């Protein structure tokens, strides 16, 4: 990757005198694109859930993430993209949502569990 970045720097710098500000911004943008492409595991965000009532189990993509969750839950370092969130608590109907996790951002949900009849 360093060799590629060095080559980009040579190609980006104009021959009639560099504009350091413009060249620096372009190089930073190219480095970010290359990092995102070569290291997709770094493309993460988070999910924040306000849970009512607390004490439920929180699953993300069918994997138990939090048992007996408090009223506010934050799932960190979640790969950006679509995920299935399921929240279960005995005596209540399951809460299920398809959540889009934005890169470097957060999806915020209010999960109100309804009692079973």
PDB file of N, CA and C in Angstrom:
ATOM      1  N   UNK A   1       0.814  -1.184   0.000  1.00  0.00           N
ATOM      2  CA  UNK A   1       0.000   0.000   0.000  1.00  0.00           C
ATOM      3  C   UNK A   1       0.865   1.258   0.000  1.00  0.00           C
ATOM      4  N   UNK A   2       1.955   1.255   0.717  1.00  0.00           N
ATOM      5  CA  UNK A   2       2.819   2.433   0.758  1.00  0.00           C
ATOM      6  C   UNK A   2       3.398   2.747  -0.607  1.00  0.00           C
ATOM      7  N   UNK A   3       3.726   1.720  -1.377  1.00  0.00           N
ATOM      8  CA  UNK A   3       4.263   1.933  -2.715  1.00  0.00           C
ATOM      9  C   UNK A   3       3.209   2.596  -3.592  1.00  0.00           C
ATOM     10  N   UNK A   4       1.970   2.140  -3.460  1.00  0.00           N
ATOM     11  CA  UNK A   4       0.882   2.717  -4.249  1.00  0.00           C
ATOM     12  C   UNK A   4       0.677   4.177  -3.864  1.00  0.00           C
ATOM     13  N   UNK A   5       0.695   4.482  -2.572  1.00  0.00           N
ATOM     14  CA  UNK A   5       0.522   5.865  -2.124  1.00  0.00           C
ATOM     15  C   UNK A   5       1.653   6.754  -2.616  1.00  0.00           C
ATOM     16  N   UNK A   6       2.868   6.250  -2.605  1.00  0.00           N
ATOM     17  CA  UNK A   6       4.003   7.030  -3.114  1.00  0.00           C
ATOM     18  C   UNK A   6       3.818   7.320  -4.596  1.00  0.00           C
ATOM     19  N   UNK A   7       3.345   6.339  -5.361  1.00  0.00           N
ATOM     20  CA  UNK A   7       3.105   6.545  -6.789  1.00  0.00           C
ATOM     21  C   UNK A   7       1.994   7.568  -7.004  1.00  0.00           C
ATOM     22  N   UNK A   8       0.953   7.515  -6.192  1.00  0.00           N
ATOM     23  CA  UNK A   8      -0.140   8.479  -6.311  1.00  0.00           C
ATOM     24  C   UNK A   8       0.365   9.881  -6.020  1.00  0.00           C
ATOM     25  N   UNK A   9       1.189  10.010  -5.011  1.00  0.00           N
ATOM     26  CA  UNK A   9       1.730  11.335  -4.673  1.00  0.00           C
ATOM     27  C   UNK A   9       2.522  11.902  -5.841  1.00  0.00           C
ATOM     28  N   UNK A  10       3.295  11.066  -6.524  1.00  0.00           N
ATOM     29  CA  UNK A  10       4.055  11.535  -7.686  1.00  0.00           C
ATOM     30  C   UNK A  10       3.126  11.949  -8.821  1.00  0.00           C
ATOM     31  N   UNK A  11       2.046  11.207  -9.005  1.00  0.00           N
ATOM     32  CA  UNK A  11       1.109  11.516 -10.081  1.00  0.00           C
ATOM     33  C   UNK A  11       0.254  12.746  -9.773  1.00  0.00           C
ATOM     34  N   UNK A  12      -0.038  12.973  -8.515  1.00  0.00           N
ATOM     35  CA  UNK A  12      -0.925  14.065  -8.119  1.00  0.00           C
ATOM     36  C   UNK A  12      -0.231  15.415  -8.152  1.00  0.00           C
ATOM     37  N   UNK A  13       1.024  15.447  -7.793  1.00  0.00           N
ATOM     38  CA  UNK A  13       1.721  16.725  -7.716  1.00  0.00           C
ATOM     39  C   UNK A  13       1.945  17.292  -9.117  1.00  0.00           C
ATOM     40  N   UNK A  14       1.442  18.497  -9.403  1.00  0.00           N
ATOM     41  CA  UNK A  14       1.608  19.084 -10.732  1.00  0.00           C
ATOM     42  C   UNK A  14       3.063  19.458 -10.999  1.00  0.00           C
ATOM     43  N   UNK A  15       3.441  19.436 -12.275  1.00  0.00           N
ATOM     44  CA  UNK A  15       4.832  19.722 -12.641  1.00  0.00           C
ATOM     45  C   UNK A  15       5.135  21.211 -12.656  1.00  0.00           C
ATOM     46  N   UNK A  16       4.119  22.054 -12.755  1.00  0.00           N
ATOM     47  CA  UNK A  16       4.354  23.502 -12.802  1.00  0.00           C
ATOM     48  C   UNK A  16       4.339  24.134 -11.419  1.00  0.00           C
ATOM     49  N   UNK A  17       4.543  23.358 -10.402  1.00  0.00           N
ATOM     50  CA  UNK A  17       4.570  23.865  -9.031  1.00  0.00           C
ATOM     51  C   UNK A  17       3.376  23.347  -8.259  1.00  0.00           C
ATOM     52  N   UNK A  18       3.633  22.679  -7.170  1.00  0.00           N
ATOM     53  CA  UNK A  18       2.544  22.057  -6.419  1.00  0.00           C
ATOM     54  C   UNK A  18       1.700  23.075  -5.663  1.00  0.00           C
ATOM     55  N   UNK A  19       0.416  22.784  -5.583  1.00  0.00           N
ATOM     56  CA  UNK A  19      -0.495  23.507  -4.704  1.00  0.00           C
ATOM     57  C   UNK A  19      -0.643  22.619  -3.474  1.00  0.00           C
ATOM     58  N   UNK A  20       0.134  22.894  -2.423  1.00  0.00           N
ATOM     59  CA  UNK A  20       0.168  21.983  -1.269  1.00  0.00           C
ATOM     60  C   UNK A  20      -1.199  21.699  -0.660  1.00  0.00           C
ATOM     61  N   UNK A  21      -2.055  22.698  -0.590  1.00  0.00           N
ATOM     62  CA  UNK A  21      -3.365  22.479   0.036  1.00  0.00           C
ATOM     63  C   UNK A  21      -4.211  21.509  -0.791  1.00  0.00           C
ATOM     64  N   UNK A  22      -4.282  21.738  -2.089  1.00  0.00           N
ATOM     65  CA  UNK A  22      -5.093  20.878  -2.955  1.00  0.00           C
ATOM     66  C   UNK A  22      -4.503  19.475  -3.029  1.00  0.00           C
ATOM     67  N   UNK A  23      -3.185  19.394  -3.168  1.00  0.00           N
ATOM     68  CA  UNK A  23      -2.534  18.083  -3.247  1.00  0.00           C
ATOM     69  C   UNK A  23      -2.727  17.307  -1.953  1.00  0.00           C
ATOM     70  N   UNK A  24      -2.605  17.984  -0.823  1.00  0.00           N
ATOM     71  CA  UNK A  24      -2.764  17.325   0.472  1.00  0.00           C
ATOM     72  C   UNK A  24      -4.167  16.771   0.655  1.00  0.00           C
ATOM     73  N   UNK A  25      -5.181  17.540   0.250  1.00  0.00           N
ATOM     74  CA  UNK A  25      -6.566  17.078   0.373  1.00  0.00           C
ATOM     75  C   UNK A  25      -6.824  15.875  -0.524  1.00  0.00           C
ATOM     76  N   UNK A  26      -6.305  15.930  -1.743  1.00  0.00           N
ATOM     77  CA  UNK A  26      -6.509  14.826  -2.670  1.00  0.00           C
ATOM     78  C   UNK A  26      -5.811  13.563  -2.174  1.00  0.00           C
ATOM     79  N   UNK A  27      -4.593  13.707  -1.695  1.00  0.00           N
ATOM     80  CA  UNK A  27      -3.852  12.558  -1.176  1.00  0.00           C
ATOM     81  C   UNK A  27      -4.570  11.966   0.029  1.00  0.00           C
ATOM     82  N   UNK A  28      -5.074  12.808   0.929  1.00  0.00           N
ATOM     83  CA  UNK A  28      -5.801  12.306   2.104  1.00  0.00           C
ATOM     84  C   UNK A  28      -7.057  11.545   1.677  1.00  0.00           C
ATOM     85  N   UNK A  29      -7.771  12.076   0.681  1.00  0.00           N
ATOM     86  CA  UNK A  29      -8.983  11.399   0.200  1.00  0.00           C
ATOM     87  C   UNK A  29      -8.633  10.060  -0.441  1.00  0.00           C
ATOM     88  N   UNK A  30      -7.581  10.019  -1.233  1.00  0.00           N
ATOM     89  CA  UNK A  30      -7.163   8.761  -1.859  1.00  0.00           C
ATOM     90  C   UNK A  30      -6.712   7.746  -0.813  1.00  0.00           C
ATOM     91  N   UNK A  31      -5.989   8.196   0.196  1.00  0.00           N
ATOM     92  CA  UNK A  31      -5.561   7.295   1.268  1.00  0.00           C
ATOM     93  C   UNK A  31      -6.768   6.708   1.986  1.00  0.00           C
ATOM     94  N   UNK A  32      -7.816   7.529   2.213  1.00  0.00           N
ATOM     95  CA  UNK A  32      -9.015   7.039   2.887  1.00  0.00           C
ATOM     96  C   UNK A  32      -9.727   6.001   2.039  1.00  0.00           C
ATOM     97  N   UNK A  33      -9.857   6.263   0.743  1.00  0.00           N
ATOM     98  CA  UNK A  33     -10.515   5.309  -0.150  1.00  0.00           C
ATOM     99  C   UNK A  33      -9.742   3.996  -0.181  1.00  0.00           C
ATOM    100  N   UNK A  34      -8.428   4.073  -0.259  1.00  0.00           N
ATOM    101  CA  UNK A  34      -7.620   2.856  -0.305  1.00  0.00           C
ATOM    102  C   UNK A  34      -7.704   2.087   1.006  1.00  0.00           C
ATOM    103  N   UNK A  35      -7.686   2.793   2.126  1.00  0.00           N
ATOM    104  CA  UNK A  35      -7.801   2.128   3.424  1.00  0.00           C
ATOM    105  C   UNK A  35      -9.148   1.426   3.538  1.00  0.00           C
ATOM    106  N   UNK A  36     -10.226   2.117   3.128  1.00  0.00           N
ATOM    107  CA  UNK A  36     -11.563   1.524   3.190  1.00  0.00           C
ATOM    108  C   UNK A  36     -11.660   0.297   2.301  1.00  0.00           C
ATOM    109  N   UNK A  37     -10.992   0.324   1.151  1.00  0.00           N
ATOM    110  CA  UNK A  37     -11.041  -0.790   0.210  1.00  0.00           C
ATOM    111  C   UNK A  37     -10.200  -1.964   0.688  1.00  0.00           C
ATOM    112  N   UNK A  38      -9.001  -1.680   1.184  1.00  0.00           N
ATOM    113  CA  UNK A  38      -8.079  -2.742   1.580  1.00  0.00           C
ATOM    114  C   UNK A  38      -8.357  -3.304   2.972  1.00  0.00           C
ATOM    115  N   UNK A  39      -9.015  -2.527   3.814  1.00  0.00           N
ATOM    116  CA  UNK A  39      -9.272  -2.958   5.189  1.00  0.00           C
ATOM    117  C   UNK A  39     -10.741  -2.757   5.535  1.00  0.00           C
ATOM    118  N   UNK A  40     -11.655  -3.544   4.894  1.00  0.00           N
ATOM    119  CA  UNK A  40     -13.089  -3.336   5.139  1.00  0.00           C
ATOM    120  C   UNK A  40     -13.515  -3.575   6.579  1.00  0.00           C
ATOM    121  N   UNK A  41     -12.717  -4.297   7.364  1.00  0.00           N
ATOM    122  CA  UNK A  41     -13.070  -4.528   8.766  1.00  0.00           C
ATOM    123  C   UNK A  41     -13.081  -3.225   9.563  1.00  0.00           C
ATOM    124  N   UNK A  42     -12.487  -2.183   9.012  1.00  0.00           N
ATOM    125  CA  UNK A  42     -12.498  -0.882   9.685  1.00  0.00           C
ATOM    126  C   UNK A  42     -13.763  -0.089   9.386  1.00  0.00           C
ATOM    127  N   UNK A  43     -14.598  -0.592   8.486  1.00  0.00           N
ATOM    128  CA  UNK A  43     -15.842   0.096   8.118  1.00  0.00           C
ATOM    129  C   UNK A  43     -16.927  -0.268   9.124  1.00  0.00           C
ATOM    130  N   UNK A  44     -16.941   0.432  10.233  1.00  0.00           N
ATOM    131  CA  UNK A  44     -17.857   0.093  11.317  1.00  0.00           C
ATOM    132  C   UNK A  44     -18.660   1.307  11.766  1.00  0.00           C
ATOM    133  N   UNK A  45     -19.737   1.007  12.457  1.00  0.00           N
ATOM    134  CA  UNK A  45     -20.582   2.007  13.087  1.00  0.00           C
ATOM    135  C   UNK A  45     -21.111   1.411  14.376  1.00  0.00           C
ATOM    136  N   UNK A  46     -22.240   1.939  14.846  1.00  0.00           N
ATOM    137  CA  UNK A  46     -22.799   1.406  16.092  1.00  0.00           C
ATOM    138  C   UNK A  46     -24.321   1.448  16.044  1.00  0.00           C
ATOM    139  N   UNK A  47     -24.911   0.693  16.949  1.00  0.00           N
ATOM    140  CA  UNK A  47     -26.363   0.669  17.118  1.00  0.00           C
ATOM    141  C   UNK A  47     -26.663   1.057  18.559  1.00  0.00           C
ATOM    142  N   UNK A  48     -27.539   2.027  18.722  1.00  0.00           N
ATOM    143  CA  UNK A  48     -27.969   2.436  20.055  1.00  0.00           C
ATOM    144  C   UNK A  48     -29.451   2.111  20.189  1.00  0.00           C
ATOM    145  N   UNK A  49     -29.796   1.446  21.286  1.00  0.00           N
ATOM    146  CA  UNK A  49     -31.178   1.028  21.510  1.00  0.00           C
ATOM    147  C   UNK A  49     -31.642   1.525  22.870  1.00  0.00           C
ATOM    148  N   UNK A  50     -32.795   2.187  22.868  1.00  0.00           N
ATOM    149  CA  UNK A  50     -33.471   2.542  24.116  1.00  0.00           C
ATOM    150  C   UNK A  50     -34.543   1.485  24.315  1.00  0.00           C
ATOM    151  N   UNK A  51     -34.405   0.748  25.384  1.00  0.00           N
ATOM    152  CA  UNK A  51     -35.186  -0.465  25.605  1.00  0.00           C
ATOM    153  C   UNK A  51     -36.217  -0.267  26.710  1.00  0.00           C
ATOM    154  N   UNK A  52     -37.461  -0.644  26.417  1.00  0.00           N
ATOM    155  CA  UNK A  52     -38.517  -0.553  27.414  1.00  0.00           C
ATOM    156  C   UNK A  52     -39.393  -1.802  27.299  1.00  0.00           C
ATOM    157  N   UNK A  53     -39.499  -2.589  28.354  1.00  0.00           N
ATOM    158  CA  UNK A  53     -38.789  -2.505  29.632  1.00  0.00           C
ATOM    159  C   UNK A  53     -37.374  -3.089  29.513  1.00  0.00           C
ATOM    160  N   UNK A  54     -36.489  -2.709  30.427  1.00  0.00           N
ATOM    161  CA  UNK A  54     -35.139  -3.290  30.419  1.00  0.00           C
ATOM    162  C   UNK A  54     -35.182  -4.754  30.853  1.00  0.00           C
ATOM    163  N   UNK A  55     -34.048  -5.425  30.723  1.00  0.00           N
ATOM    164  CA  UNK A  55     -33.941  -6.813  31.163  1.00  0.00           C
ATOM    165  C   UNK A  55     -34.108  -7.827  30.052  1.00  0.00           C
ATOM    166  N   UNK A  56     -34.128  -7.367  28.815  1.00  0.00           N
ATOM    167  CA  UNK A  56     -34.307  -8.276  27.683  1.00  0.00           C
ATOM    168  C   UNK A  56     -32.954  -8.744  27.158  1.00  0.00           C
ATOM    169  N   UNK A  57     -32.996  -9.757  26.289  1.00  0.00           N
ATOM    170  CA  UNK A  57     -31.790 -10.242  25.608  1.00  0.00           C
ATOM    171  C   UNK A  57     -31.742  -9.624  24.217  1.00  0.00           C
ATOM    172  N   UNK A  58     -30.559  -9.165  23.822  1.00  0.00           N
ATOM    173  CA  UNK A  58     -30.383  -8.480  22.538  1.00  0.00           C
ATOM    174  C   UNK A  58     -29.539  -9.352  21.621  1.00  0.00           C
ATOM    175  N   UNK A  59     -30.100  -9.652  20.444  1.00  0.00           N
ATOM    176  CA  UNK A  59     -29.417 -10.462  19.429  1.00  0.00           C
ATOM    177  C   UNK A  59     -29.146  -9.594  18.204  1.00  0.00           C
ATOM    178  N   UNK A  60     -27.982  -9.771  17.629  1.00  0.00           N
ATOM    179  CA  UNK A  60     -27.655  -9.123  16.365  1.00  0.00           C
ATOM    180  C   UNK A  60     -27.271 -10.214  15.381  1.00  0.00           C
ATOM    181  N   UNK A  61     -28.005 -10.294  14.281  1.00  0.00           N
ATOM    182  CA  UNK A  61     -27.785 -11.334  13.276  1.00  0.00           C
ATOM    183  C   UNK A  61     -27.776 -12.726  13.914  1.00  0.00           C
ATOM    184  N   UNK A  62     -28.745 -12.961  14.791  1.00  0.00           N
ATOM    185  CA  UNK A  62     -28.957 -14.238  15.493  1.00  0.00           C
ATOM    186  C   UNK A  62     -27.848 -14.623  16.467  1.00  0.00           C
ATOM    187  N   UNK A  63     -27.018 -13.664  16.850  1.00  0.00           N
ATOM    188  CA  UNK A  63     -25.974 -13.915  17.848  1.00  0.00           C
ATOM    189  C   UNK A  63     -26.301 -13.095  19.100  1.00  0.00           C
ATOM    190  N   UNK A  64     -26.345 -13.780  20.248  1.00  0.00           N
ATOM    191  CA  UNK A  64     -26.627 -13.087  21.502  1.00  0.00           C
ATOM    192  C   UNK A  64     -25.502 -12.097  21.798  1.00  0.00           C
ATOM    193  N   UNK A  65     -25.861 -10.826  21.906  1.00  0.00           N
ATOM    194  CA  UNK A  65     -24.883  -9.776  22.194  1.00  0.00           C
ATOM    195  C   UNK A  65     -24.933  -9.337  23.656  1.00  0.00           C
ATOM    196  N   UNK A  66     -26.144  -9.184  24.190  1.00  0.00           N
ATOM    197  CA  UNK A  66     -26.291  -8.707  25.567  1.00  0.00           C
ATOM    198  C   UNK A  66     -27.427  -9.463  26.240  1.00  0.00           C
ATOM    199  N   UNK A  67     -27.131 -10.021  27.402  1.00  0.00           N
ATOM    200  CA  UNK A  67     -28.143 -10.681  28.224  1.00  0.00           C
ATOM    201  C   UNK A  67     -28.604  -9.713  29.296  1.00  0.00           C
ATOM    202  N   UNK A  68     -29.907  -9.727  29.592  1.00  0.00           N
ATOM    203  CA  UNK A  68     -30.470  -8.883  30.650  1.00  0.00           C
ATOM    204  C   UNK A  68     -30.031  -7.427  30.470  1.00  0.00           C
ATOM    205  N   UNK A  69     -30.342  -6.886  29.310  1.00  0.00           N
ATOM    206  CA  UNK A  69     -29.861  -5.555  28.907  1.00  0.00           C
ATOM    207  C   UNK A  69     -30.467  -4.437  29.755  1.00  0.00           C
ATOM    208  N   UNK A  70     -29.674  -3.387  29.988  1.00  0.00           N
ATOM    209  CA  UNK A  70     -30.203  -2.212  30.688  1.00  0.00           C
ATOM    210  C   UNK A  70     -31.130  -1.411  29.755  1.00  0.00           C
ATOM    211  N   UNK A  71     -31.642  -0.285  30.229  1.00  0.00           N
ATOM    212  CA  UNK A  71     -32.590   0.527  29.463  1.00  0.00           C
ATOM    213  C   UNK A  71     -31.960   1.158  28.217  1.00  0.00           C
ATOM    214  N   UNK A  72     -30.652   1.398  28.240  1.00  0.00           N
ATOM    215  CA  UNK A  72     -29.956   1.955  27.075  1.00  0.00           C
ATOM    216  C   UNK A  72     -28.797   1.032  26.731  1.00  0.00           C
ATOM    217  N   UNK A  73     -28.763   0.619  25.467  1.00  0.00           N
ATOM    218  CA  UNK A  73     -27.755  -0.329  24.992  1.00  0.00           C
ATOM    219  C   UNK A  73     -27.004   0.297  23.819  1.00  0.00           C
ATOM    220  N   UNK A  74     -25.697   0.113  23.788  1.00  0.00           N
ATOM    221  CA  UNK A  74     -24.895   0.554  22.656  1.00  0.00           C
ATOM    222  C   UNK A  74     -24.057  -0.620  22.165  1.00  0.00           C
ATOM    223  N   UNK A  75     -24.284  -1.014  20.918  1.00  0.00           N
ATOM    224  CA  UNK A  75     -23.480  -2.064  20.279  1.00  0.00           C
ATOM    225  C   UNK A  75     -22.436  -1.365  19.422  1.00  0.00           C
ATOM    226  N   UNK A  76     -21.184  -1.544  19.759  1.00  0.00           N
ATOM    227  CA  UNK A  76     -20.083  -0.827  19.115  1.00  0.00           C
ATOM    228  C   UNK A  76     -19.381  -1.689  18.070  1.00  0.00           C
ATOM    229  N   UNK A  77     -18.673  -1.030  17.155  1.00  0.00           N
ATOM    230  CA  UNK A  77     -17.846  -1.691  16.136  1.00  0.00           C
ATOM    231  C   UNK A  77     -18.623  -2.730  15.333  1.00  0.00           C
ATOM    232  N   UNK A  78     -19.815  -2.335  14.890  1.00  0.00           N
ATOM    233  CA  UNK A  78     -20.655  -3.190  14.063  1.00  0.00           C
ATOM    234  C   UNK A  78     -20.342  -2.874  12.600  1.00  0.00           C
ATOM    235  N   UNK A  79     -20.117  -3.902  11.798  1.00  0.00           N
ATOM    236  CA  UNK A  79     -19.821  -3.684  10.383  1.00  0.00           C
ATOM    237  C   UNK A  79     -20.935  -2.865   9.740  1.00  0.00           C
ATOM    238  N   UNK A  80     -20.553  -1.867   8.966  1.00  0.00           N
ATOM    239  CA  UNK A  80     -21.528  -1.035   8.271  1.00  0.00           C
ATOM    240  C   UNK A  80     -22.358  -1.901   7.330  1.00  0.00           C
ATOM    241  N   UNK A  81     -23.639  -1.571   7.227  1.00  0.00           N
ATOM    242  CA  UNK A  81     -24.538  -2.314   6.352  1.00  0.00           C
ATOM    243  C   UNK A  81     -25.794  -2.756   7.082  1.00  0.00           C
ATOM    244  N   UNK A  82     -26.493  -3.722   6.491  1.00  0.00           N
ATOM    245  CA  UNK A  82     -27.768  -4.217   7.026  1.00  0.00           C
ATOM    246  C   UNK A  82     -27.568  -5.326   8.044  1.00  0.00           C
ATOM    247  N   UNK A  83     -28.330  -5.233   9.120  1.00  0.00           N
ATOM    248  CA  UNK A  83     -28.289  -6.247  10.176  1.00  0.00           C
ATOM    249  C   UNK A  83     -29.696  -6.480  10.703  1.00  0.00           C
ATOM    250  N   UNK A  84     -29.893  -7.655  11.291  1.00  0.00           N
ATOM    251  CA  UNK A  84     -31.174  -7.968  11.933  1.00  0.00           C
ATOM    252  C   UNK A  84     -30.989  -7.885  13.442  1.00  0.00           C
ATOM    253  N   UNK A  85     -31.793  -7.056  14.066  1.00  0.00           N
ATOM    254  CA  UNK A  85     -31.763  -6.885  15.517  1.00  0.00           C
ATOM    255  C   UNK A  85     -33.015  -7.553  16.077  1.00  0.00           C
ATOM    256  N   UNK A  86     -32.820  -8.411  17.065  1.00  0.00           N
ATOM    257  CA  UNK A  86     -33.949  -9.093  17.723  1.00  0.00           C
ATOM    258  C   UNK A  86     -33.784  -8.931  19.222  1.00  0.00           C
ATOM    259  N   UNK A  87     -34.857  -8.530  19.878  1.00  0.00           N
ATOM    260  CA  UNK A  87     -34.842  -8.336  21.325  1.00  0.00           C
ATOM    261  C   UNK A  87     -35.951  -9.195  21.915  1.00  0.00           C
ATOM    262  N   UNK A  88     -35.570 -10.035  22.878  1.00  0.00           N
ATOM    263  CA  UNK A  88     -36.544 -10.964  23.468  1.00  0.00           C
ATOM    264  C   UNK A  88     -36.577 -10.819  24.987  1.00  0.00           C
ATOM    265  N   UNK A  89     -37.774 -11.031  25.524  1.00  0.00           N
ATOM    266  CA  UNK A  89     -37.939 -11.045  26.985  1.00  0.00           C
ATOM    267  C   UNK A  89     -39.150 -11.925  27.287  1.00  0.00           C
ATOM    268  N   UNK A  90     -38.996 -12.868  28.225  1.00  0.00           N
ATOM    269  CA  UNK A  90     -40.128 -13.726  28.561  1.00  0.00           C
ATOM    270  C   UNK A  90     -41.363 -12.894  28.926  1.00  0.00           C
ATOM    271  N   UNK A  91     -42.532 -13.343  28.401  1.00  0.00           N
ATOM    272  CA  UNK A  91     -43.778 -12.644  28.669  1.00  0.00           C
ATOM    273  C   UNK A  91     -44.047 -11.479  27.731  1.00  0.00           C
ATOM    274  N   UNK A  92     -43.133 -11.246  26.773  1.00  0.00           N
ATOM    275  CA  UNK A  92     -43.280 -10.140  25.824  1.00  0.00           C
ATOM    276  C   UNK A  92     -43.095 -10.651  24.399  1.00  0.00           C
ATOM    277  N   UNK A  93     -43.709  -9.954  23.452  1.00  0.00           N
ATOM    278  CA  UNK A  93     -43.493 -10.276  22.047  1.00  0.00           C
ATOM    279  C   UNK A  93     -42.094  -9.824  21.650  1.00  0.00           C
ATOM    280  N   UNK A  94     -41.457 -10.596  20.764  1.00  0.00           N
ATOM    281  CA  UNK A  94     -40.124 -10.224  20.290  1.00  0.00           C
ATOM    282  C   UNK A  94     -40.192  -8.917  19.494  1.00  0.00           C
ATOM    283  N   UNK A  95     -39.155  -8.123  19.639  1.00  0.00           N
ATOM    284  CA  UNK A  95     -38.972  -6.919  18.824  1.00  0.00           C
ATOM    285  C   UNK A  95     -37.945  -7.282  17.760  1.00  0.00           C
ATOM    286  N   UNK A  96     -38.322  -7.121  16.491  1.00  0.00           N
ATOM    287  CA  UNK A  96     -37.408  -7.450  15.395  1.00  0.00           C
ATOM    288  C   UNK A  96     -37.339  -6.257  14.457  1.00  0.00           C
ATOM    289  N   UNK A  97     -36.125  -5.882  14.079  1.00  0.00           N
ATOM    290  CA  UNK A  97     -35.942  -4.765  13.158  1.00  0.00           C
ATOM    291  C   UNK A  97     -34.751  -5.025  12.244  1.00  0.00           C
ATOM    292  N   UNK A  98     -34.891  -4.590  11.002  1.00  0.00           N
ATOM    293  CA  UNK A  98     -33.761  -4.566  10.077  1.00  0.00           C
ATOM    294  C   UNK A  98     -33.116  -3.198  10.268  1.00  0.00           C
ATOM    295  N   UNK A  99     -31.840  -3.190  10.595  1.00  0.00           N
ATOM    296  CA  UNK A  99     -31.139  -1.956  10.935  1.00  0.00           C
ATOM    297  C   UNK A  99     -30.025  -1.709   9.928  1.00  0.00           C
ATOM    298  N   UNK A 100     -29.962  -0.482   9.429  1.00  0.00           N
ATOM    299  CA  UNK A 100     -28.840  -0.095   8.578  1.00  0.00           C
ATOM    300  C   UNK A 100     -27.826   0.640   9.453  1.00  0.00           C
ATOM    301  N   UNK A 101     -26.618   0.100   9.533  1.00  0.00           N
ATOM    302  CA  UNK A 101     -25.557   0.716  10.330  1.00  0.00           C
ATOM    303  C   UNK A 101     -24.698   1.560   9.392  1.00  0.00           C
ATOM    304  N   UNK A 102     -24.665   2.868   9.610  1.00  0.00           N
ATOM    305  CA  UNK A 102     -23.853   3.719   8.745  1.00  0.00           C
ATOM    306  C   UNK A 102     -22.380   3.692   9.151  1.00  0.00           C
ATOM    307  N   UNK A 103     -21.502   3.840   8.174  1.00  0.00           N
ATOM    308  CA  UNK A 103     -20.063   3.899   8.430  1.00  0.00           C
ATOM    309  C   UNK A 103     -19.765   5.116   9.292  1.00  0.00           C
ATOM    310  N   UNK A 104     -19.088   4.901  10.396  1.00  0.00           N
ATOM    311  CA  UNK A 104     -18.698   5.943  11.360  1.00  0.00           C
ATOM    312  C   UNK A 104     -19.897   6.665  11.971  1.00  0.00           C
ATOM    313  N   UNK A 105     -21.078   6.038  11.922  1.00  0.00           N
ATOM    314  CA  UNK A 105     -22.278   6.661  12.469  1.00  0.00           C
ATOM    315  C   UNK A 105     -23.016   5.709  13.372  1.00  0.00           C
ATOM    316  N   UNK A 106     -24.240   6.100  13.721  1.00  0.00           N
ATOM    317  CA  UNK A 106     -25.049   5.282  14.618  1.00  0.00           C
ATOM    318  C   UNK A 106     -26.486   5.202  14.117  1.00  0.00           C
ATOM    319  N   UNK A 107     -27.071   4.034  14.291  1.00  0.00           N
ATOM    320  CA  UNK A 107     -28.512   3.854  14.117  1.00  0.00           C
ATOM    321  C   UNK A 107     -29.108   3.850  15.517  1.00  0.00           C
ATOM    322  N   UNK A 108     -30.136   4.635  15.718  1.00  0.00           N
ATOM    323  CA  UNK A 108     -30.763   4.757  17.036  1.00  0.00           C
ATOM    324  C   UNK A 108     -32.193   4.229  16.941  1.00  0.00           C
ATOM    325  N   UNK A 109     -32.526   3.335  17.857  1.00  0.00           N
ATOM    326  CA  UNK A 109     -33.860   2.738  17.857  1.00  0.00           C
ATOM    327  C   UNK A 109     -34.490   2.827  19.236  1.00  0.00           C
ATOM    328  N   UNK A 110     -35.812   2.954  19.250  1.00  0.00           N
ATOM    329  CA  UNK A 110     -36.609   2.806  20.471  1.00  0.00           C
ATOM    330  C   UNK A 110     -37.289   1.458  20.364  1.00  0.00           C
ATOM    331  N   UNK A 111     -36.979   0.549  21.263  1.00  0.00           N
ATOM    332  CA  UNK A 111     -37.573  -0.787  21.256  1.00  0.00           C
ATOM    333  C   UNK A 111     -38.520  -0.908  22.448  1.00  0.00           C
ATOM    334  N   UNK A 112     -39.812  -0.874  22.143  1.00  0.00           N
ATOM    335  CA  UNK A 112     -40.826  -1.001  23.193  1.00  0.00           C
ATOM    336  C   UNK A 112     -41.456  -2.386  23.060  1.00  0.00           C
ATOM    337  N   UNK A 113     -41.132  -3.236  24.017  1.00  0.00           N
ATOM    338  CA  UNK A 113     -41.651  -4.592  24.003  1.00  0.00           C
ATOM    339  C   UNK A 113     -43.077  -4.610  24.525  1.00  0.00           C
ATOM    340  N   UNK A 114     -43.946  -5.281  23.773  1.00  0.00           N
ATOM    341  CA  UNK A 114     -45.352  -5.383  24.174  1.00  0.00           C
ATOM    342  C   UNK A 114     -45.586  -6.698  24.908  1.00  0.00           C
ATOM    343  N   UNK A 115     -46.372  -6.648  25.970  1.00  0.00           N
ATOM    344  CA  UNK A 115     -46.682  -7.896  26.687  1.00  0.00           C
ATOM    345  C   UNK A 115     -47.454  -8.857  25.793  1.00  0.00           C
ATOM    346  N   UNK A 116     -47.201 -10.154  25.979  1.00  0.00           N
ATOM    347  CA  UNK A 116     -47.988 -11.158  25.267  1.00  0.00           C
ATOM    348  C   UNK A 116     -49.356 -11.229  25.891  1.00  0.00           C
ATOM    349  N   UNK A 117     -50.334 -11.602  25.091  1.00  0.00           N
ATOM    350  CA  UNK A 117     -51.701 -11.694  25.637  1.00  0.00           C
ATOM    351  C   UNK A 117     -52.044 -13.100  25.981  1.00  0.00           C
TER     352      UNK A 117
END
